[in-house]
Amino acid sequence: MNIQNFFSQHTALAFLALGTLTYHNAMAQDAPKPPKMTPEMTEVWEPEPKVVTPGGINNMAPPADAIVLFDGKSLDKWASSNDPNKPAQWTVANGTFTVKKGTGNIQTKQAFQDYQLHLEWQVPANITGQGQSRGNSGLFLASTGGGDAGYELQILDSYNNRTYSNGQAGSIYKQHPPLLNAMRKPGEWNSYDVIFTAPRFKEDGSLFSPARVTVLHNGVVIQNDTEIRGTTQYIGLPGYTAHGKSPIKLQDHGDPSEPLSFRNIWIREL
């Protein structure tokens, strides 16, 4: 091959490579961008959890080694989530406490890691609204920051009230629907019994093992050693950020329906 042919051939190959690169860059620029995330993208409506009628009212007394988080008299074990140095502003009366709209979430003053938790909650008999605007609150198994940061076990009136399955009572919100719908009708008390294993993180902050939870709703298993995929996201997908022991949080959701009440809350560290 003479010198002229050699350079002509390699010049052609260079132009071909440049043309291919230009083509791929143009295709990449013209490729459609993924759509912007909306709340509906993470809603799962089917299958709908089967309804099961729970047994008798469960008003479980705390074991001898439990930490009583609400004794029916005061919220001295709780603080404002907006400012943990300020007391919780929800209303205490007749052995229960009730969400006081507009005062914000409340959280335990003490931080926890792995635990067994018992909590009872009531949707008022005169509840109004529908879907997510019907007795909405949430039990954050670990509060990892302000607002609604953390891992949320949904509290909602799911008695004859259809919504997306991974947003009804007993769901790990926007992650796992409950196995069954064990909801009592408005005006009756519901109970959650929770076994929570907190996530663990490596020294560099990366995830070592995810959080896991088992939940009984009115004595019925609705989450069975469920793996939590990360912190709750209303829009978008869950993820993990390293943290240690965390408070437990209850949500002032702010929906227009009548506020929920709580009683008989205790915890055992594991």
C-alpha atoms as a PDB file:
ATOM      1  CA  MET A   1       0.000   0.000   0.000  1.00  0.00           C
ATOM      2  CA  ASN A   2       1.475   3.384  -0.951  1.00  0.00           C
ATOM      3  CA  ILE A   3       1.596   6.353   1.402  1.00  0.00           C
ATOM      4  CA  GLN A   4      -1.215   8.215  -0.373  1.00  0.00           C
ATOM      5  CA  ASN A   5      -3.599   5.262  -0.145  1.00  0.00           C
ATOM      6  CA  PHE A   6      -2.660   4.691   3.517  1.00  0.00           C
ATOM      7  CA  PHE A   7      -3.542   8.240   4.560  1.00  0.00           C
ATOM      8  CA  SER A   8      -6.664   8.307   2.385  1.00  0.00           C
ATOM      9  CA  GLN A   9      -7.965   5.118   4.010  1.00  0.00           C
ATOM     10  CA  HIS A  10      -7.277   6.282   7.569  1.00  0.00           C
ATOM     11  CA  THR A  11      -8.727   9.710   6.878  1.00  0.00           C
ATOM     12  CA  ALA A  12     -11.931   8.021   5.681  1.00  0.00           C
ATOM     13  CA  LEU A  13     -12.062   5.865   8.826  1.00  0.00           C
ATOM     14  CA  ALA A  14     -11.567   8.930  11.011  1.00  0.00           C
ATOM     15  CA  PHE A  15     -14.428  10.775   9.283  1.00  0.00           C
ATOM     16  CA  LEU A  16     -16.605   7.663   9.614  1.00  0.00           C
ATOM     17  CA  ALA A  17     -15.900   7.452  13.360  1.00  0.00           C
ATOM     18  CA  LEU A  18     -16.574  11.163  13.764  1.00  0.00           C
ATOM     19  CA  GLY A  19     -19.826  10.810  11.841  1.00  0.00           C
ATOM     20  CA  THR A  20     -20.908   7.848  13.997  1.00  0.00           C
ATOM     21  CA  LEU A  21     -20.103   9.768  17.197  1.00  0.00           C
ATOM     22  CA  THR A  22     -22.017  12.797  15.932  1.00  0.00           C
ATOM     23  CA  TYR A  23     -24.991  10.582  15.050  1.00  0.00           C
ATOM     24  CA  HIS A  24     -25.070   8.971  18.506  1.00  0.00           C
ATOM     25  CA  ASN A  25     -24.758  12.358  20.227  1.00  0.00           C
ATOM     26  CA  ALA A  26     -27.636  13.669  18.127  1.00  0.00           C
ATOM     27  CA  MET A  27     -29.714  10.584  18.974  1.00  0.00           C
ATOM     28  CA  ALA A  28     -28.940  11.016  22.677  1.00  0.00           C
ATOM     29  CA  GLN A  29     -30.028  14.646  22.520  1.00  0.00           C
ATOM     30  CA  ASP A  30     -33.210  13.722  20.666  1.00  0.00           C
ATOM     31  CA  ALA A  31     -34.049  10.805  22.991  1.00  0.00           C
ATOM     32  CA  PRO A  32     -37.189  11.480  25.058  1.00  0.00           C
ATOM     33  CA  LYS A  33     -36.562  12.454  28.678  1.00  0.00           C
ATOM     34  CA  PRO A  34     -38.245  10.411  31.422  1.00  0.00           C
ATOM     35  CA  PRO A  35     -41.488  11.980  32.641  1.00  0.00           C
ATOM     36  CA  LYS A  36     -41.534  14.067  35.807  1.00  0.00           C
ATOM     37  CA  MET A  37     -42.578  12.002  38.831  1.00  0.00           C
ATOM     38  CA  THR A  38     -46.128  12.520  40.121  1.00  0.00           C
ATOM     39  CA  PRO A  39     -47.849  11.043  43.211  1.00  0.00           C
ATOM     40  CA  GLU A  40     -49.958   8.709  41.044  1.00  0.00           C
ATOM     41  CA  MET A  41     -46.846   6.990  39.642  1.00  0.00           C
ATOM     42  CA  THR A  42     -46.227   5.255  42.980  1.00  0.00           C
ATOM     43  CA  GLU A  43     -49.853   4.393  43.784  1.00  0.00           C
ATOM     44  CA  VAL A  44     -50.769   0.695  43.571  1.00  0.00           C
ATOM     45  CA  TRP A  45     -54.528   0.054  43.315  1.00  0.00           C
ATOM     46  CA  GLU A  46     -54.599  -3.646  42.471  1.00  0.00           C
ATOM     47  CA  PRO A  47     -54.849  -6.102  44.021  1.00  0.00           C
ATOM     48  CA  GLU A  48     -57.079  -4.703  46.744  1.00  0.00           C
ATOM     49  CA  PRO A  49     -56.400  -6.328  50.144  1.00  0.00           C
ATOM     50  CA  LYS A  50     -59.154  -8.703  51.213  1.00  0.00           C
ATOM     51  CA  VAL A  51     -61.336  -7.524  54.104  1.00  0.00           C
ATOM     52  CA  VAL A  52     -61.241  -9.645  57.277  1.00  0.00           C
ATOM     53  CA  THR A  53     -63.311  -8.998  60.418  1.00  0.00           C
ATOM     54  CA  PRO A  54     -60.999  -8.787  63.449  1.00  0.00           C
ATOM     55  CA  GLY A  55     -61.737 -10.375  66.830  1.00  0.00           C
ATOM     56  CA  GLY A  56     -62.709  -8.610  70.036  1.00  0.00           C
ATOM     57  CA  ILE A  57     -61.450  -5.208  71.120  1.00  0.00           C
ATOM     58  CA  ASN A  58     -57.794  -5.423  72.091  1.00  0.00           C
ATOM     59  CA  ASN A  59     -56.839  -3.186  75.009  1.00  0.00           C
ATOM     60  CA  MET A  60     -53.504  -4.735  75.924  1.00  0.00           C
ATOM     61  CA  ALA A  61     -51.922  -3.686  79.215  1.00  0.00           C
ATOM     62  CA  PRO A  62     -48.192  -2.951  79.049  1.00  0.00           C
ATOM     63  CA  PRO A  63     -45.757  -5.668  80.175  1.00  0.00           C
ATOM     64  CA  ALA A  64     -43.686  -5.046  83.305  1.00  0.00           C
ATOM     65  CA  ASP A  65     -40.561  -4.121  81.313  1.00  0.00           C
ATOM     66  CA  ALA A  66     -42.311  -1.732  78.915  1.00  0.00           C
ATOM     67  CA  ILE A  67     -41.737   2.014  78.643  1.00  0.00           C
ATOM     68  CA  VAL A  68     -45.169   3.639  78.803  1.00  0.00           C
ATOM     69  CA  LEU A  69     -45.279   6.400  76.189  1.00  0.00           C
ATOM     70  CA  PHE A  70     -48.802   7.527  77.064  1.00  0.00           C
ATOM     71  CA  ASP A  71     -50.420   6.783  80.416  1.00  0.00           C
ATOM     72  CA  GLY A  72     -53.734   8.498  79.718  1.00  0.00           C
ATOM     73  CA  LYS A  73     -52.761  11.621  81.648  1.00  0.00           C
ATOM     74  CA  SER A  74     -50.074  13.622  79.849  1.00  0.00           C
ATOM     75  CA  LEU A  75     -47.843  13.869  76.798  1.00  0.00           C
ATOM     76  CA  ASP A  76     -44.691  14.409  78.843  1.00  0.00           C
ATOM     77  CA  LYS A  77     -42.906  11.656  76.854  1.00  0.00           C
ATOM     78  CA  TRP A  78     -43.588  13.527  73.593  1.00  0.00           C
ATOM     79  CA  ALA A  79     -42.397  16.763  71.995  1.00  0.00           C
ATOM     80  CA  SER A  80     -43.079  18.855  68.928  1.00  0.00           C
ATOM     81  CA  SER A  81     -41.382  17.499  65.798  1.00  0.00           C
ATOM     82  CA  ASN A  82     -40.900  21.045  64.550  1.00  0.00           C
ATOM     83  CA  ASP A  83     -38.963  21.918  67.700  1.00  0.00           C
ATOM     84  CA  PRO A  84     -38.061  18.983  69.992  1.00  0.00           C
ATOM     85  CA  ASN A  85     -37.414  21.501  72.792  1.00  0.00           C
ATOM     86  CA  LYS A  86     -41.114  22.410  72.827  1.00  0.00           C
ATOM     87  CA  PRO A  87     -43.875  20.229  74.341  1.00  0.00           C
ATOM     88  CA  ALA A  88     -46.402  18.374  72.184  1.00  0.00           C
ATOM     89  CA  GLN A  89     -49.498  20.519  71.617  1.00  0.00           C
ATOM     90  CA  TRP A  90     -52.105  17.806  70.979  1.00  0.00           C
ATOM     91  CA  THR A  91     -55.166  17.626  73.248  1.00  0.00           C
ATOM     92  CA  VAL A  92     -55.338  15.245  76.232  1.00  0.00           C
ATOM     93  CA  ALA A  93     -58.764  14.339  77.673  1.00  0.00           C
ATOM     94  CA  ASN A  94     -60.571  11.287  79.089  1.00  0.00           C
ATOM     95  CA  GLY A  95     -57.552   9.002  78.961  1.00  0.00           C
ATOM     96  CA  THR A  96     -56.785   9.711  75.293  1.00  0.00           C
ATOM     97  CA  PHE A  97     -55.038  12.351  73.222  1.00  0.00           C
ATOM     98  CA  THR A  98     -56.238  13.811  69.945  1.00  0.00           C
ATOM     99  CA  VAL A  99     -54.510  15.453  67.003  1.00  0.00           C
ATOM    100  CA  LYS A 100     -54.737  19.238  67.287  1.00  0.00           C
ATOM    101  CA  LYS A 101     -54.793  20.386  63.684  1.00  0.00           C
ATOM    102  CA  GLY A 102     -52.153  22.849  62.648  1.00  0.00           C
ATOM    103  CA  THR A 103     -49.810  22.217  65.580  1.00  0.00           C
ATOM    104  CA  GLY A 104     -47.625  19.805  63.622  1.00  0.00           C
ATOM    105  CA  ASN A 105     -46.319  16.294  64.156  1.00  0.00           C
ATOM    106  CA  ILE A 106     -45.248  15.035  67.558  1.00  0.00           C
ATOM    107  CA  GLN A 107     -42.437  12.606  68.392  1.00  0.00           C
ATOM    108  CA  THR A 108     -41.065  10.759  71.384  1.00  0.00           C
ATOM    109  CA  LYS A 109     -38.403  12.526  73.411  1.00  0.00           C
ATOM    110  CA  GLN A 110     -36.499   9.244  73.611  1.00  0.00           C
ATOM    111  CA  ALA A 111     -34.846   7.691  70.548  1.00  0.00           C
ATOM    112  CA  PHE A 112     -35.136   3.973  69.808  1.00  0.00           C
ATOM    113  CA  GLN A 113     -33.591   1.381  67.508  1.00  0.00           C
ATOM    114  CA  ASP A 114     -35.168  -2.112  67.560  1.00  0.00           C
ATOM    115  CA  TYR A 115     -38.406  -2.457  69.481  1.00  0.00           C
ATOM    116  CA  GLN A 116     -41.871  -3.896  70.100  1.00  0.00           C
ATOM    117  CA  LEU A 117     -44.566  -1.205  70.097  1.00  0.00           C
ATOM    118  CA  HIS A 118     -48.256  -1.241  71.006  1.00  0.00           C
ATOM    119  CA  LEU A 119     -50.500   1.679  69.986  1.00  0.00           C
ATOM    120  CA  GLU A 120     -54.276   2.121  69.878  1.00  0.00           C
ATOM    121  CA  TRP A 121     -56.018   4.654  67.644  1.00  0.00           C
ATOM    122  CA  GLN A 122     -59.590   5.700  66.900  1.00  0.00           C
ATOM    123  CA  VAL A 123     -61.281   7.200  63.873  1.00  0.00           C
ATOM    124  CA  PRO A 124     -64.200   9.351  65.124  1.00  0.00           C
ATOM    125  CA  ALA A 125     -67.696   8.033  64.472  1.00  0.00           C
ATOM    126  CA  ASN A 126     -68.635  11.241  62.617  1.00  0.00           C
ATOM    127  CA  ILE A 127     -65.721  11.017  60.180  1.00  0.00           C
ATOM    128  CA  THR A 128     -66.202  12.689  56.795  1.00  0.00           C
ATOM    129  CA  GLY A 129     -64.278  12.768  53.535  1.00  0.00           C
ATOM    130  CA  GLN A 130     -63.028   9.936  51.378  1.00  0.00           C
ATOM    131  CA  GLY A 131     -59.845   8.338  50.138  1.00  0.00           C
ATOM    132  CA  GLN A 132     -56.721   9.870  51.668  1.00  0.00           C
ATOM    133  CA  SER A 133     -58.807  12.693  53.166  1.00  0.00           C
ATOM    134  CA  ARG A 134     -60.541  10.479  55.714  1.00  0.00           C
ATOM    135  CA  GLY A 135     -58.846  10.178  59.091  1.00  0.00           C
ATOM    136  CA  ASN A 136     -55.326  10.388  57.726  1.00  0.00           C
ATOM    137  CA  SER A 137     -52.360  10.185  60.073  1.00  0.00           C
ATOM    138  CA  GLY A 138     -49.228   8.084  60.243  1.00  0.00           C
ATOM    139  CA  LEU A 139     -46.999   6.217  62.663  1.00  0.00           C
ATOM    140  CA  PHE A 140     -43.388   6.895  61.682  1.00  0.00           C
ATOM    141  CA  LEU A 141     -41.436   3.910  62.946  1.00  0.00           C
ATOM    142  CA  ALA A 142     -38.285   6.017  62.930  1.00  0.00           C
ATOM    143  CA  SER A 143     -38.330   9.772  62.486  1.00  0.00           C
ATOM    144  CA  THR A 144     -35.223  10.528  60.449  1.00  0.00           C
ATOM    145  CA  GLY A 145     -35.715  14.296  60.222  1.00  0.00           C
ATOM    146  CA  GLY A 146     -38.253  17.092  60.278  1.00  0.00           C
ATOM    147  CA  GLY A 147     -41.639  17.076  58.600  1.00  0.00           C
ATOM    148  CA  ASP A 148     -42.658  13.636  57.363  1.00  0.00           C
ATOM    149  CA  ALA A 149     -39.137  12.212  57.118  1.00  0.00           C
ATOM    150  CA  GLY A 150     -38.981   8.589  58.233  1.00  0.00           C
ATOM    151  CA  TYR A 151     -40.593   5.189  57.709  1.00  0.00           C
ATOM    152  CA  GLU A 152     -44.386   5.522  57.754  1.00  0.00           C
ATOM    153  CA  LEU A 153     -46.928   2.918  58.780  1.00  0.00           C
ATOM    154  CA  GLN A 154     -50.145   4.434  57.437  1.00  0.00           C
ATOM    155  CA  ILE A 155     -53.050   5.328  59.705  1.00  0.00           C
ATOM    156  CA  LEU A 156     -56.297   5.945  57.816  1.00  0.00           C
ATOM    157  CA  ASP A 157     -59.972   5.064  57.907  1.00  0.00           C
ATOM    158  CA  SER A 158     -60.020   2.100  55.527  1.00  0.00           C
ATOM    159  CA  TYR A 159     -63.460   0.877  56.566  1.00  0.00           C
ATOM    160  CA  ASN A 160     -65.492   0.949  53.317  1.00  0.00           C
ATOM    161  CA  ASN A 161     -63.158   3.658  52.065  1.00  0.00           C
ATOM    162  CA  ARG A 162     -61.311   2.746  48.862  1.00  0.00           C
ATOM    163  CA  THR A 163     -57.931   4.256  48.116  1.00  0.00           C
ATOM    164  CA  TYR A 164     -54.717   2.951  46.574  1.00  0.00           C
ATOM    165  CA  SER A 165     -53.684  -0.283  48.275  1.00  0.00           C
ATOM    166  CA  ASN A 166     -50.205   0.895  49.246  1.00  0.00           C
ATOM    167  CA  GLY A 167     -51.763   3.931  50.931  1.00  0.00           C
ATOM    168  CA  GLN A 168     -54.532   2.360  53.026  1.00  0.00           C
ATOM    169  CA  ALA A 169     -54.407   1.602  56.757  1.00  0.00           C
ATOM    170  CA  GLY A 170     -51.618  -0.826  57.598  1.00  0.00           C
ATOM    171  CA  SER A 171     -49.545  -0.116  54.513  1.00  0.00           C
ATOM    172  CA  ILE A 172     -45.905   0.817  54.613  1.00  0.00           C
ATOM    173  CA  TYR A 173     -46.857   3.983  52.787  1.00  0.00           C
ATOM    174  CA  LYS A 174     -46.217   3.910  49.020  1.00  0.00           C
ATOM    175  CA  GLN A 175     -44.180   0.688  49.462  1.00  0.00           C
ATOM    176  CA  HIS A 176     -46.146  -2.335  50.736  1.00  0.00           C
ATOM    177  CA  PRO A 177     -49.944  -2.799  50.922  1.00  0.00           C
ATOM    178  CA  PRO A 178     -51.222  -4.679  53.980  1.00  0.00           C
ATOM    179  CA  LEU A 179     -51.834  -8.393  53.532  1.00  0.00           C
ATOM    180  CA  LEU A 180     -55.437  -7.862  54.696  1.00  0.00           C
ATOM    181  CA  ASN A 181     -57.797  -5.025  55.615  1.00  0.00           C
ATOM    182  CA  ALA A 182     -58.535  -5.575  59.332  1.00  0.00           C
ATOM    183  CA  MET A 183     -60.080  -2.134  59.915  1.00  0.00           C
ATOM    184  CA  ARG A 184     -62.819  -1.566  62.490  1.00  0.00           C
ATOM    185  CA  LYS A 185     -65.661   0.815  61.710  1.00  0.00           C
ATOM    186  CA  PRO A 186     -65.390   4.481  62.749  1.00  0.00           C
ATOM    187  CA  GLY A 187     -65.951   5.073  66.452  1.00  0.00           C
ATOM    188  CA  GLU A 188     -64.267   1.791  67.465  1.00  0.00           C
ATOM    189  CA  TRP A 189     -60.664   1.442  68.604  1.00  0.00           C
ATOM    190  CA  ASN A 190     -57.945  -0.091  66.434  1.00  0.00           C
ATOM    191  CA  SER A 191     -54.624  -1.448  67.620  1.00  0.00           C
ATOM    192  CA  TYR A 192     -51.212  -1.775  66.022  1.00  0.00           C
ATOM    193  CA  ASP A 193     -48.626  -4.158  67.415  1.00  0.00           C
ATOM    194  CA  VAL A 194     -45.291  -3.577  65.732  1.00  0.00           C
ATOM    195  CA  ILE A 195     -41.951  -5.406  65.733  1.00  0.00           C
ATOM    196  CA  PHE A 196     -39.402  -3.075  64.165  1.00  0.00           C
ATOM    197  CA  THR A 197     -35.786  -3.767  63.266  1.00  0.00           C
ATOM    198  CA  ALA A 198     -33.921  -0.592  62.362  1.00  0.00           C
ATOM    199  CA  PRO A 199     -31.614  -0.408  59.354  1.00  0.00           C
ATOM    200  CA  ARG A 200     -27.866  -0.719  59.810  1.00  0.00           C
ATOM    201  CA  PHE A 201     -25.237   1.271  57.952  1.00  0.00           C
ATOM    202  CA  LYS A 202     -21.558   0.830  57.158  1.00  0.00           C
ATOM    203  CA  GLU A 203     -18.926   3.298  58.321  1.00  0.00           C
ATOM    204  CA  ASP A 204     -19.032   5.057  54.958  1.00  0.00           C
ATOM    205  CA  GLY A 205     -22.794   5.644  55.349  1.00  0.00           C
ATOM    206  CA  SER A 206     -23.899   3.045  52.812  1.00  0.00           C
ATOM    207  CA  LEU A 207     -26.668   0.598  53.680  1.00  0.00           C
ATOM    208  CA  PHE A 208     -25.618  -2.658  55.364  1.00  0.00           C
ATOM    209  CA  SER A 209     -29.086  -4.081  56.080  1.00  0.00           C
ATOM    210  CA  PRO A 210     -32.547  -2.540  55.465  1.00  0.00           C
ATOM    211  CA  ALA A 211     -35.222  -1.946  58.099  1.00  0.00           C
ATOM    212  CA  ARG A 212     -37.772  -4.715  58.591  1.00  0.00           C
ATOM    213  CA  VAL A 213     -41.194  -4.699  60.246  1.00  0.00           C
ATOM    214  CA  THR A 214     -43.958  -7.053  61.333  1.00  0.00           C
ATOM    215  CA  VAL A 215     -47.354  -5.480  62.080  1.00  0.00           C
ATOM    216  CA  LEU A 216     -50.544  -6.867  63.625  1.00  0.00           C
ATOM    217  CA  HIS A 217     -53.664  -4.768  63.043  1.00  0.00           C
ATOM    218  CA  ASN A 218     -56.347  -5.679  65.593  1.00  0.00           C
ATOM    219  CA  GLY A 219     -54.541  -8.976  66.155  1.00  0.00           C
ATOM    220  CA  VAL A 220     -54.300  -9.818  62.425  1.00  0.00           C
ATOM    221  CA  VAL A 221     -50.872 -10.055  60.745  1.00  0.00           C
ATOM    222  CA  ILE A 222     -50.830  -7.473  57.944  1.00  0.00           C
ATOM    223  CA  GLN A 223     -47.043  -7.038  57.466  1.00  0.00           C
ATOM    224  CA  ASN A 224     -44.894 -10.143  57.908  1.00  0.00           C
ATOM    225  CA  ASP A 225     -41.172  -9.405  58.284  1.00  0.00           C
ATOM    226  CA  THR A 226     -41.552  -6.806  55.542  1.00  0.00           C
ATOM    227  CA  GLU A 227     -38.433  -5.171  54.135  1.00  0.00           C
ATOM    228  CA  ILE A 228     -38.662  -1.374  54.144  1.00  0.00           C
ATOM    229  CA  ARG A 229     -37.114   0.097  50.996  1.00  0.00           C
ATOM    230  CA  GLY A 230     -36.193   3.435  52.559  1.00  0.00           C
ATOM    231  CA  THR A 231     -37.776   6.579  53.886  1.00  0.00           C
ATOM    232  CA  THR A 232     -41.347   7.404  52.866  1.00  0.00           C
ATOM    233  CA  GLN A 233     -41.753   9.494  49.724  1.00  0.00           C
ATOM    234  CA  TYR A 234     -45.063  10.992  48.599  1.00  0.00           C
ATOM    235  CA  ILE A 235     -43.561  11.704  45.177  1.00  0.00           C
ATOM    236  CA  GLY A 236     -40.677   9.602  43.959  1.00  0.00           C
ATOM    237  CA  LEU A 237     -38.949   6.467  45.175  1.00  0.00           C
ATOM    238  CA  PRO A 238     -37.680   5.585  48.675  1.00  0.00           C
ATOM    239  CA  GLY A 239     -34.040   5.537  49.650  1.00  0.00           C
ATOM    240  CA  TYR A 240     -31.776   5.373  52.674  1.00  0.00           C
ATOM    241  CA  THR A 241     -29.635   7.953  54.424  1.00  0.00           C
ATOM    242  CA  ALA A 242     -27.524   6.784  57.346  1.00  0.00           C
ATOM    243  CA  HIS A 243     -28.906   7.435  60.836  1.00  0.00           C
ATOM    244  CA  GLY A 244     -28.774   6.002  64.335  1.00  0.00           C
ATOM    245  CA  LYS A 245     -31.427   5.684  67.022  1.00  0.00           C
ATOM    246  CA  SER A 246     -34.479   7.778  66.158  1.00  0.00           C
ATOM    247  CA  PRO A 247     -37.662   9.086  67.786  1.00  0.00           C
ATOM    248  CA  ILE A 248     -41.065   7.629  66.925  1.00  0.00           C
ATOM    249  CA  LYS A 249     -43.396  10.157  65.294  1.00  0.00           C
ATOM    250  CA  LEU A 250     -47.157  10.659  64.910  1.00  0.00           C
ATOM    251  CA  GLN A 251     -48.471  12.748  62.034  1.00  0.00           C
ATOM    252  CA  ASP A 252     -50.680  15.821  61.997  1.00  0.00           C
ATOM    253  CA  HIS A 253     -51.686  15.233  58.380  1.00  0.00           C
ATOM    254  CA  GLY A 254     -53.914  18.282  58.109  1.00  0.00           C
ATOM    255  CA  ASP A 255     -56.722  16.725  56.055  1.00  0.00           C
ATOM    256  CA  PRO A 256     -60.204  18.254  56.490  1.00  0.00           C
ATOM    257  CA  SER A 257     -61.782  15.257  58.252  1.00  0.00           C
ATOM    258  CA  GLU A 258     -62.181  14.954  62.001  1.00  0.00           C
ATOM    259  CA  PRO A 259     -58.884  14.316  63.858  1.00  0.00           C
ATOM    260  CA  LEU A 260     -57.877  10.933  65.252  1.00  0.00           C
ATOM    261  CA  SER A 261     -57.356   9.955  68.891  1.00  0.00           C
ATOM    262  CA  PHE A 262     -54.764   7.686  70.519  1.00  0.00           C
ATOM    263  CA  ARG A 263     -54.375   5.777  73.766  1.00  0.00           C
ATOM    264  CA  ASN A 264     -52.405   2.994  75.507  1.00  0.00           C
ATOM    265  CA  ILE A 265     -49.003   3.406  73.854  1.00  0.00           C
ATOM    266  CA  TRP A 266     -46.048   1.437  75.162  1.00  0.00           C
ATOM    267  CA  ILE A 267     -42.734   0.148  73.858  1.00  0.00           C
ATOM    268  CA  ARG A 268     -40.179  -2.551  74.688  1.00  0.00           C
ATOM    269  CA  GLU A 269     -36.633  -2.153  73.439  1.00  0.00           C
ATOM    270  CA  LEU A 270     -35.255  -5.293  71.794  1.00  0.00           C
END
